[in-house]
Amino acid sequence: MTELILRAQGLDRSFGGVHAVRDVDLEVPRGSLHAIIGPNGSGKTTLFNLITGHTRPNSGRVEFDGSDITGMPYAKVARRGLAKSYQITTVFPLLTVFENVRIAAQAASHSYVFWRPADGIKAVARATMEVLERIGLADDRDTIASNLSHGDQRRLDLAIALATSPRLLLLDEPTAGMSPTETAATVELVRELNRDVTILMIEHKMDVILTIADRITVLHQGQKLFEGPPAEVRAHPEVQEVYLTGSL
């Protein structure tokens, strides 16, 4: 039997008169790369927020690595090994690349010693450089974050998430706004990261989703329309009608 790292059951959330997510179930096996797709307003971001604790469900349950995390604040969820890279880059623009990642690494490893000089925490510095080397930003360690290209700022946002040593990484449109060259590089990076980290991602570029995901959940009007491997998603007539027409 496949071991699950994430299980969501019956997630439901309304905002006023808008039913954003309706009774959604989701299972993510450990080690997999699972994608969530759907047209604008289909509930993708709300579902992510319900999983990470940014939004509390009206009903339903979220289990991460066998523990109930339903409605748990994101800071506590992150300490358990779940991290999210945001659609809108959330770096500290006036700090260097190294400083941005070091803050995340220090928070994950030594949250109780922030009063100590961070440069003196050798383990944090080593962990920071390991992440930067893996992401491909080691040569930019002293660059001010705001001076990076859009693609490199997105990679820095990913590095910040990785610095917390997650077991499950949620990616919200990791290639948004990227050029074809940047997109291709990010796809290869995500593939490489998936060797060690389970990944759950939202992505609008269908050529990316259909080539990188093990399994795809399709949302429509807050409900699960279909779920299956990429080939079945591509061929499904209802999916083509509501979302993929013109994208395949």
C-alpha atoms as a PDB file:
ATOM      1  CA  MET A   1       0.000   0.000   0.000  1.00  0.00           C
ATOM      2  CA  THR A   2       1.301   3.460  -0.968  1.00  0.00           C
ATOM      3  CA  GLU A   3       2.321   5.592   2.018  1.00  0.00           C
ATOM      4  CA  LEU A   4       0.581   8.962   2.072  1.00  0.00           C
ATOM      5  CA  ILE A   5       2.301  12.119   3.270  1.00  0.00           C
ATOM      6  CA  LEU A   6      -0.835  14.266   2.879  1.00  0.00           C
ATOM      7  CA  ARG A   7      -4.514  13.380   3.110  1.00  0.00           C
ATOM      8  CA  ALA A   8      -7.376  15.874   2.899  1.00  0.00           C
ATOM      9  CA  GLN A   9     -10.930  14.679   3.458  1.00  0.00           C
ATOM     10  CA  GLY A  10     -14.136  16.559   2.768  1.00  0.00           C
ATOM     11  CA  LEU A  11     -12.591  20.031   2.710  1.00  0.00           C
ATOM     12  CA  ASP A  12     -15.230  22.706   2.388  1.00  0.00           C
ATOM     13  CA  ARG A  13     -14.941  26.478   2.563  1.00  0.00           C
ATOM     14  CA  SER A  14     -17.307  29.338   1.791  1.00  0.00           C
ATOM     15  CA  PHE A  15     -16.671  33.075   1.772  1.00  0.00           C
ATOM     16  CA  GLY A  16     -19.977  34.874   2.196  1.00  0.00           C
ATOM     17  CA  GLY A  17     -22.156  33.535  -0.584  1.00  0.00           C
ATOM     18  CA  VAL A  18     -19.252  32.091  -2.571  1.00  0.00           C
ATOM     19  CA  HIS A  19     -18.537  28.375  -2.148  1.00  0.00           C
ATOM     20  CA  ALA A  20     -14.813  28.314  -2.937  1.00  0.00           C
ATOM     21  CA  VAL A  21     -14.084  24.647  -2.126  1.00  0.00           C
ATOM     22  CA  ARG A  22     -16.754  21.945  -2.011  1.00  0.00           C
ATOM     23  CA  ASP A  23     -16.150  18.608  -0.291  1.00  0.00           C
ATOM     24  CA  VAL A  24     -12.682  18.017  -1.795  1.00  0.00           C
ATOM     25  CA  ASP A  25     -10.642  14.904  -1.028  1.00  0.00           C
ATOM     26  CA  LEU A  26      -6.934  14.765  -1.857  1.00  0.00           C
ATOM     27  CA  GLU A  27      -4.262  12.114  -1.283  1.00  0.00           C
ATOM     28  CA  VAL A  28      -0.577  12.742  -1.988  1.00  0.00           C
ATOM     29  CA  PRO A  29       1.789   9.737  -1.806  1.00  0.00           C
ATOM     30  CA  ARG A  30       5.210  10.268  -0.277  1.00  0.00           C
ATOM     31  CA  GLY A  31       7.802  11.004  -2.954  1.00  0.00           C
ATOM     32  CA  SER A  32       5.302  11.966  -5.643  1.00  0.00           C
ATOM     33  CA  LEU A  33       4.810  15.128  -7.685  1.00  0.00           C
ATOM     34  CA  HIS A  34       1.083  15.909  -7.605  1.00  0.00           C
ATOM     35  CA  ALA A  35      -0.394  18.833  -9.530  1.00  0.00           C
ATOM     36  CA  ILE A  36      -3.623  20.776  -9.048  1.00  0.00           C
ATOM     37  CA  ILE A  37      -5.095  22.523 -12.077  1.00  0.00           C
ATOM     38  CA  GLY A  38      -8.290  24.349 -12.975  1.00  0.00           C
ATOM     39  CA  PRO A  39      -9.544  27.604 -14.478  1.00  0.00           C
ATOM     40  CA  ASN A  40      -9.404  30.863 -12.543  1.00  0.00           C
ATOM     41  CA  GLY A  41     -11.798  30.749  -9.599  1.00  0.00           C
ATOM     42  CA  SER A  42     -11.815  26.955  -9.425  1.00  0.00           C
ATOM     43  CA  GLY A  43     -10.576  26.896  -5.812  1.00  0.00           C
ATOM     44  CA  LYS A  44      -6.912  25.981  -6.271  1.00  0.00           C
ATOM     45  CA  THR A  45      -5.439  28.702  -4.047  1.00  0.00           C
ATOM     46  CA  THR A  46      -8.145  28.255  -1.413  1.00  0.00           C
ATOM     47  CA  LEU A  47      -7.377  24.531  -1.299  1.00  0.00           C
ATOM     48  CA  PHE A  48      -3.675  25.314  -0.785  1.00  0.00           C
ATOM     49  CA  ASN A  49      -4.582  27.740   2.003  1.00  0.00           C
ATOM     50  CA  LEU A  50      -6.765  25.147   3.707  1.00  0.00           C
ATOM     51  CA  ILE A  51      -3.874  22.670   3.623  1.00  0.00           C
ATOM     52  CA  THR A  52      -1.288  25.121   4.983  1.00  0.00           C
ATOM     53  CA  GLY A  53      -3.490  26.627   7.694  1.00  0.00           C
ATOM     54  CA  HIS A  54      -3.731  30.087   6.147  1.00  0.00           C
ATOM     55  CA  THR A  55      -7.490  29.469   5.964  1.00  0.00           C
ATOM     56  CA  ARG A  56      -9.575  27.313   8.275  1.00  0.00           C
ATOM     57  CA  PRO A  57     -12.114  24.996   6.611  1.00  0.00           C
ATOM     58  CA  ASN A  58     -15.824  25.161   7.413  1.00  0.00           C
ATOM     59  CA  SER A  59     -15.653  21.381   7.473  1.00  0.00           C
ATOM     60  CA  GLY A  60     -13.223  18.618   6.599  1.00  0.00           C
ATOM     61  CA  ARG A  61      -9.856  17.415   7.821  1.00  0.00           C
ATOM     62  CA  VAL A  62      -6.193  17.673   6.796  1.00  0.00           C
ATOM     63  CA  GLU A  63      -3.592  15.100   7.845  1.00  0.00           C
ATOM     64  CA  PHE A  64       0.121  15.617   7.270  1.00  0.00           C
ATOM     65  CA  ASP A  65       2.429  12.668   7.874  1.00  0.00           C
ATOM     66  CA  GLY A  66      -0.249  10.982   9.968  1.00  0.00           C
ATOM     67  CA  SER A  67      -1.046  13.979  12.200  1.00  0.00           C
ATOM     68  CA  ASP A  68      -4.137  16.166  12.130  1.00  0.00           C
ATOM     69  CA  ILE A  69      -3.111  19.708  11.123  1.00  0.00           C
ATOM     70  CA  THR A  70      -6.583  21.020  10.294  1.00  0.00           C
ATOM     71  CA  GLY A  71      -6.609  24.796  10.805  1.00  0.00           C
ATOM     72  CA  MET A  72      -3.184  24.759  12.446  1.00  0.00           C
ATOM     73  CA  PRO A  73      -1.330  28.090  11.944  1.00  0.00           C
ATOM     74  CA  TYR A  74       1.182  27.963   9.091  1.00  0.00           C
ATOM     75  CA  ALA A  75       4.151  28.631  11.395  1.00  0.00           C
ATOM     76  CA  LYS A  76       3.391  25.419  13.297  1.00  0.00           C
ATOM     77  CA  VAL A  77       2.692  23.490  10.097  1.00  0.00           C
ATOM     78  CA  ALA A  78       6.040  24.611   8.677  1.00  0.00           C
ATOM     79  CA  ARG A  79       7.895  23.379  11.751  1.00  0.00           C
ATOM     80  CA  ARG A  80       6.380  19.945  11.130  1.00  0.00           C
ATOM     81  CA  GLY A  81       7.963  19.814   7.674  1.00  0.00           C
ATOM     82  CA  LEU A  82       5.508  21.425   5.254  1.00  0.00           C
ATOM     83  CA  ALA A  83       6.620  24.517   3.327  1.00  0.00           C
ATOM     84  CA  LYS A  84       5.022  26.710   0.675  1.00  0.00           C
ATOM     85  CA  SER A  85       6.598  28.766  -2.088  1.00  0.00           C
ATOM     86  CA  TYR A  86       4.207  31.570  -3.012  1.00  0.00           C
ATOM     87  CA  GLN A  87       2.820  32.680  -6.379  1.00  0.00           C
ATOM     88  CA  ILE A  88       3.859  36.242  -5.561  1.00  0.00           C
ATOM     89  CA  THR A  89       7.512  36.392  -4.582  1.00  0.00           C
ATOM     90  CA  THR A  90       7.882  37.040  -0.842  1.00  0.00           C
ATOM     91  CA  VAL A  91      11.611  37.710  -0.473  1.00  0.00           C
ATOM     92  CA  PHE A  92      13.103  40.520   1.616  1.00  0.00           C
ATOM     93  CA  PRO A  93      14.047  42.872  -1.252  1.00  0.00           C
ATOM     94  CA  LEU A  94      16.732  44.881   0.588  1.00  0.00           C
ATOM     95  CA  LEU A  95      18.599  41.884   1.984  1.00  0.00           C
ATOM     96  CA  THR A  96      21.140  39.798   0.122  1.00  0.00           C
ATOM     97  CA  VAL A  97      20.345  36.414  -1.354  1.00  0.00           C
ATOM     98  CA  PHE A  98      22.367  34.768   1.416  1.00  0.00           C
ATOM     99  CA  GLU A  99      20.623  36.749   4.169  1.00  0.00           C
ATOM    100  CA  ASN A 100      17.165  35.848   2.825  1.00  0.00           C
ATOM    101  CA  VAL A 101      17.878  32.136   2.913  1.00  0.00           C
ATOM    102  CA  ARG A 102      19.823  32.295   6.182  1.00  0.00           C
ATOM    103  CA  ILE A 103      16.812  33.767   7.996  1.00  0.00           C
ATOM    104  CA  ALA A 104      14.691  30.793   6.952  1.00  0.00           C
ATOM    105  CA  ALA A 105      17.404  28.281   7.811  1.00  0.00           C
ATOM    106  CA  GLN A 106      17.987  29.912  11.195  1.00  0.00           C
ATOM    107  CA  ALA A 107      14.263  29.972  12.002  1.00  0.00           C
ATOM    108  CA  ALA A 108      14.027  26.260  11.200  1.00  0.00           C
ATOM    109  CA  SER A 109      17.121  25.190  13.112  1.00  0.00           C
ATOM    110  CA  HIS A 110      17.769  27.717  15.865  1.00  0.00           C
ATOM    111  CA  SER A 111      14.554  29.644  16.424  1.00  0.00           C
ATOM    112  CA  TYR A 112      15.412  29.993  20.099  1.00  0.00           C
ATOM    113  CA  VAL A 113      18.757  31.741  19.574  1.00  0.00           C
ATOM    114  CA  PHE A 114      17.909  34.738  17.388  1.00  0.00           C
ATOM    115  CA  TRP A 115      19.812  36.969  19.804  1.00  0.00           C
ATOM    116  CA  ARG A 116      23.087  35.269  18.865  1.00  0.00           C
ATOM    117  CA  PRO A 117      25.151  36.599  15.918  1.00  0.00           C
ATOM    118  CA  ALA A 118      23.810  34.659  12.943  1.00  0.00           C
ATOM    119  CA  ASP A 119      27.241  34.606  11.266  1.00  0.00           C
ATOM    120  CA  GLY A 120      28.530  32.646  14.231  1.00  0.00           C
ATOM    121  CA  ILE A 121      26.079  29.827  13.709  1.00  0.00           C
ATOM    122  CA  LYS A 122      28.195  27.711  11.401  1.00  0.00           C
ATOM    123  CA  ALA A 123      25.600  25.031  10.825  1.00  0.00           C
ATOM    124  CA  VAL A 124      23.096  27.623   9.603  1.00  0.00           C
ATOM    125  CA  ALA A 125      25.654  29.181   7.261  1.00  0.00           C
ATOM    126  CA  ARG A 126      26.528  25.757   5.831  1.00  0.00           C
ATOM    127  CA  ALA A 127      22.870  24.868   5.356  1.00  0.00           C
ATOM    128  CA  THR A 128      22.267  28.205   3.643  1.00  0.00           C
ATOM    129  CA  MET A 129      25.078  27.668   1.139  1.00  0.00           C
ATOM    130  CA  GLU A 130      23.958  24.106   0.449  1.00  0.00           C
ATOM    131  CA  VAL A 131      20.513  25.377  -0.498  1.00  0.00           C
ATOM    132  CA  LEU A 132      21.921  28.174  -2.669  1.00  0.00           C
ATOM    133  CA  GLU A 133      24.189  25.740  -4.483  1.00  0.00           C
ATOM    134  CA  ARG A 134      21.300  23.361  -5.102  1.00  0.00           C
ATOM    135  CA  ILE A 135      19.057  26.145  -6.407  1.00  0.00           C
ATOM    136  CA  GLY A 136      21.831  27.633  -8.544  1.00  0.00           C
ATOM    137  CA  LEU A 137      22.176  30.944  -6.711  1.00  0.00           C
ATOM    138  CA  ALA A 138      25.503  30.419  -4.935  1.00  0.00           C
ATOM    139  CA  ASP A 139      27.274  32.911  -7.211  1.00  0.00           C
ATOM    140  CA  ASP A 140      24.639  35.508  -6.317  1.00  0.00           C
ATOM    141  CA  ARG A 141      24.934  35.091  -2.548  1.00  0.00           C
ATOM    142  CA  ASP A 142      25.931  38.745  -2.012  1.00  0.00           C
ATOM    143  CA  THR A 143      23.439  40.201  -4.509  1.00  0.00           C
ATOM    144  CA  ILE A 144      20.616  42.333  -3.117  1.00  0.00           C
ATOM    145  CA  ALA A 145      17.398  40.388  -3.738  1.00  0.00           C
ATOM    146  CA  SER A 146      15.658  43.267  -5.521  1.00  0.00           C
ATOM    147  CA  ASN A 147      18.461  43.299  -8.108  1.00  0.00           C
ATOM    148  CA  LEU A 148      17.783  39.717  -9.207  1.00  0.00           C
ATOM    149  CA  SER A 149      15.862  38.947 -12.380  1.00  0.00           C
ATOM    150  CA  HIS A 150      12.241  37.875 -11.975  1.00  0.00           C
ATOM    151  CA  GLY A 151      13.201  34.249 -12.602  1.00  0.00           C
ATOM    152  CA  ASP A 152      15.980  34.345 -10.015  1.00  0.00           C
ATOM    153  CA  GLN A 153      13.686  36.006  -7.465  1.00  0.00           C
ATOM    154  CA  ARG A 154      11.278  33.088  -7.906  1.00  0.00           C
ATOM    155  CA  ARG A 155      14.196  30.694  -7.400  1.00  0.00           C
ATOM    156  CA  LEU A 156      15.163  32.608  -4.258  1.00  0.00           C
ATOM    157  CA  ASP A 157      11.599  32.253  -2.969  1.00  0.00           C
ATOM    158  CA  LEU A 158      11.932  28.515  -3.563  1.00  0.00           C
ATOM    159  CA  ALA A 159      15.300  28.492  -1.771  1.00  0.00           C
ATOM    160  CA  ILE A 160      13.698  30.154   1.264  1.00  0.00           C
ATOM    161  CA  ALA A 161      11.104  27.381   1.398  1.00  0.00           C
ATOM    162  CA  LEU A 162      13.758  24.682   0.998  1.00  0.00           C
ATOM    163  CA  ALA A 163      15.863  26.157   3.796  1.00  0.00           C
ATOM    164  CA  THR A 164      13.244  24.950   6.275  1.00  0.00           C
ATOM    165  CA  SER A 165      14.072  21.328   5.271  1.00  0.00           C
ATOM    166  CA  PRO A 166      10.500  20.384   4.278  1.00  0.00           C
ATOM    167  CA  ARG A 167       9.240  16.871   3.623  1.00  0.00           C
ATOM    168  CA  LEU A 168       6.347  18.298   1.586  1.00  0.00           C
ATOM    169  CA  LEU A 169       6.798  21.358  -0.615  1.00  0.00           C
ATOM    170  CA  LEU A 170       3.799  23.271  -1.978  1.00  0.00           C
ATOM    171  CA  LEU A 171       4.537  25.313  -5.101  1.00  0.00           C
ATOM    172  CA  ASP A 172       2.041  27.940  -6.238  1.00  0.00           C
ATOM    173  CA  GLU A 173       2.670  28.555  -9.947  1.00  0.00           C
ATOM    174  CA  PRO A 174       6.475  28.291  -9.763  1.00  0.00           C
ATOM    175  CA  THR A 175       6.976  29.371 -13.406  1.00  0.00           C
ATOM    176  CA  ALA A 176       4.567  32.344 -13.376  1.00  0.00           C
ATOM    177  CA  GLY A 177       5.941  35.245 -15.404  1.00  0.00           C
ATOM    178  CA  MET A 178       9.021  33.327 -16.537  1.00  0.00           C
ATOM    179  CA  SER A 179      10.446  33.250 -20.044  1.00  0.00           C
ATOM    180  CA  PRO A 180      10.551  29.903 -21.890  1.00  0.00           C
ATOM    181  CA  THR A 181      14.228  29.524 -20.944  1.00  0.00           C
ATOM    182  CA  GLU A 182      13.555  30.281 -17.271  1.00  0.00           C
ATOM    183  CA  THR A 183      10.561  27.944 -17.309  1.00  0.00           C
ATOM    184  CA  ALA A 184      12.613  25.072 -18.696  1.00  0.00           C
ATOM    185  CA  ALA A 185      15.293  25.620 -16.049  1.00  0.00           C
ATOM    186  CA  THR A 186      12.696  25.718 -13.271  1.00  0.00           C
ATOM    187  CA  VAL A 187      11.058  22.510 -14.532  1.00  0.00           C
ATOM    188  CA  GLU A 188      14.401  20.723 -14.355  1.00  0.00           C
ATOM    189  CA  LEU A 189      15.000  22.134 -10.875  1.00  0.00           C
ATOM    190  CA  VAL A 190      11.596  20.922  -9.663  1.00  0.00           C
ATOM    191  CA  ARG A 191      12.299  17.480 -11.097  1.00  0.00           C
ATOM    192  CA  GLU A 192      15.623  17.380  -9.260  1.00  0.00           C
ATOM    193  CA  LEU A 193      14.079  18.516  -5.970  1.00  0.00           C
ATOM    194  CA  ASN A 194      11.381  15.870  -6.266  1.00  0.00           C
ATOM    195  CA  ARG A 195      14.044  13.200  -5.832  1.00  0.00           C
ATOM    196  CA  ASP A 196      14.186  14.144  -2.153  1.00  0.00           C
ATOM    197  CA  VAL A 197      11.004  16.103  -1.428  1.00  0.00           C
ATOM    198  CA  THR A 198       7.337  15.343  -2.096  1.00  0.00           C
ATOM    199  CA  ILE A 199       5.856  18.162  -4.184  1.00  0.00           C
ATOM    200  CA  LEU A 200       2.295  19.447  -4.530  1.00  0.00           C
ATOM    201  CA  MET A 201       1.988  22.228  -7.082  1.00  0.00           C
ATOM    202  CA  ILE A 202      -0.399  24.582  -8.843  1.00  0.00           C
ATOM    203  CA  GLU A 203       0.658  25.510 -12.372  1.00  0.00           C
ATOM    204  CA  HIS A 204      -1.145  27.103 -15.326  1.00  0.00           C
ATOM    205  CA  LYS A 205       1.338  26.119 -18.049  1.00  0.00           C
ATOM    206  CA  MET A 206      -0.124  22.863 -19.265  1.00  0.00           C
ATOM    207  CA  ASP A 207       3.002  21.777 -21.119  1.00  0.00           C
ATOM    208  CA  VAL A 208       4.741  21.895 -17.734  1.00  0.00           C
ATOM    209  CA  ILE A 209       2.022  19.988 -15.862  1.00  0.00           C
ATOM    210  CA  LEU A 210       1.579  17.250 -18.441  1.00  0.00           C
ATOM    211  CA  THR A 211       5.299  16.474 -18.557  1.00  0.00           C
ATOM    212  CA  ILE A 212       6.259  16.782 -14.902  1.00  0.00           C
ATOM    213  CA  ALA A 213       3.373  15.516 -12.748  1.00  0.00           C
ATOM    214  CA  ASP A 214       2.808  11.936 -11.606  1.00  0.00           C
ATOM    215  CA  ARG A 215      -0.865  12.644 -10.968  1.00  0.00           C
ATOM    216  CA  ILE A 216      -3.188  15.600 -11.563  1.00  0.00           C
ATOM    217  CA  THR A 217      -6.284  16.803  -9.711  1.00  0.00           C
ATOM    218  CA  VAL A 218      -8.613  18.985 -11.789  1.00  0.00           C
ATOM    219  CA  LEU A 219     -10.839  21.452  -9.936  1.00  0.00           C
ATOM    220  CA  HIS A 220     -13.865  23.209 -11.378  1.00  0.00           C
ATOM    221  CA  GLN A 221     -16.143  25.568  -9.455  1.00  0.00           C
ATOM    222  CA  GLY A 222     -14.580  24.423  -6.181  1.00  0.00           C
ATOM    223  CA  GLN A 223     -15.165  20.716  -6.793  1.00  0.00           C
ATOM    224  CA  LYS A 224     -12.961  17.891  -7.967  1.00  0.00           C
ATOM    225  CA  LEU A 225     -13.839  17.296 -11.610  1.00  0.00           C
ATOM    226  CA  PHE A 226     -11.331  14.540 -12.316  1.00  0.00           C
ATOM    227  CA  GLU A 227      -8.109  13.045 -11.004  1.00  0.00           C
ATOM    228  CA  GLY A 228      -5.630  10.791 -12.718  1.00  0.00           C
ATOM    229  CA  PRO A 229      -2.292  10.514 -14.516  1.00  0.00           C
ATOM    230  CA  PRO A 230      -1.428  13.121 -17.180  1.00  0.00           C
ATOM    231  CA  ALA A 231      -2.445  10.961 -20.144  1.00  0.00           C
ATOM    232  CA  GLU A 232      -5.930  10.420 -18.721  1.00  0.00           C
ATOM    233  CA  VAL A 233      -6.315  14.109 -17.876  1.00  0.00           C
ATOM    234  CA  ARG A 234      -5.315  15.067 -21.415  1.00  0.00           C
ATOM    235  CA  ALA A 235      -7.907  12.704 -22.890  1.00  0.00           C
ATOM    236  CA  HIS A 236     -10.785  13.435 -20.509  1.00  0.00           C
ATOM    237  CA  PRO A 237     -13.609  15.189 -22.443  1.00  0.00           C
ATOM    238  CA  GLU A 238     -14.955  17.225 -19.502  1.00  0.00           C
ATOM    239  CA  VAL A 239     -11.468  18.458 -18.614  1.00  0.00           C
ATOM    240  CA  GLN A 240     -10.917  19.513 -22.205  1.00  0.00           C
ATOM    241  CA  GLU A 241     -14.245  21.314 -22.223  1.00  0.00           C
ATOM    242  CA  VAL A 242     -13.746  23.356 -19.040  1.00  0.00           C
ATOM    243  CA  TYR A 243     -10.011  23.953 -19.063  1.00  0.00           C
ATOM    244  CA  LEU A 244      -7.693  22.374 -21.585  1.00  0.00           C
ATOM    245  CA  THR A 245      -9.240  23.316 -24.917  1.00  0.00           C
ATOM    246  CA  GLY A 246      -6.573  25.111 -26.883  1.00  0.00           C
ATOM    247  CA  SER A 247      -3.863  24.255 -24.347  1.00  0.00           C
ATOM    248  CA  LEU A 248      -2.920  20.729 -25.442  1.00  0.00           C
END
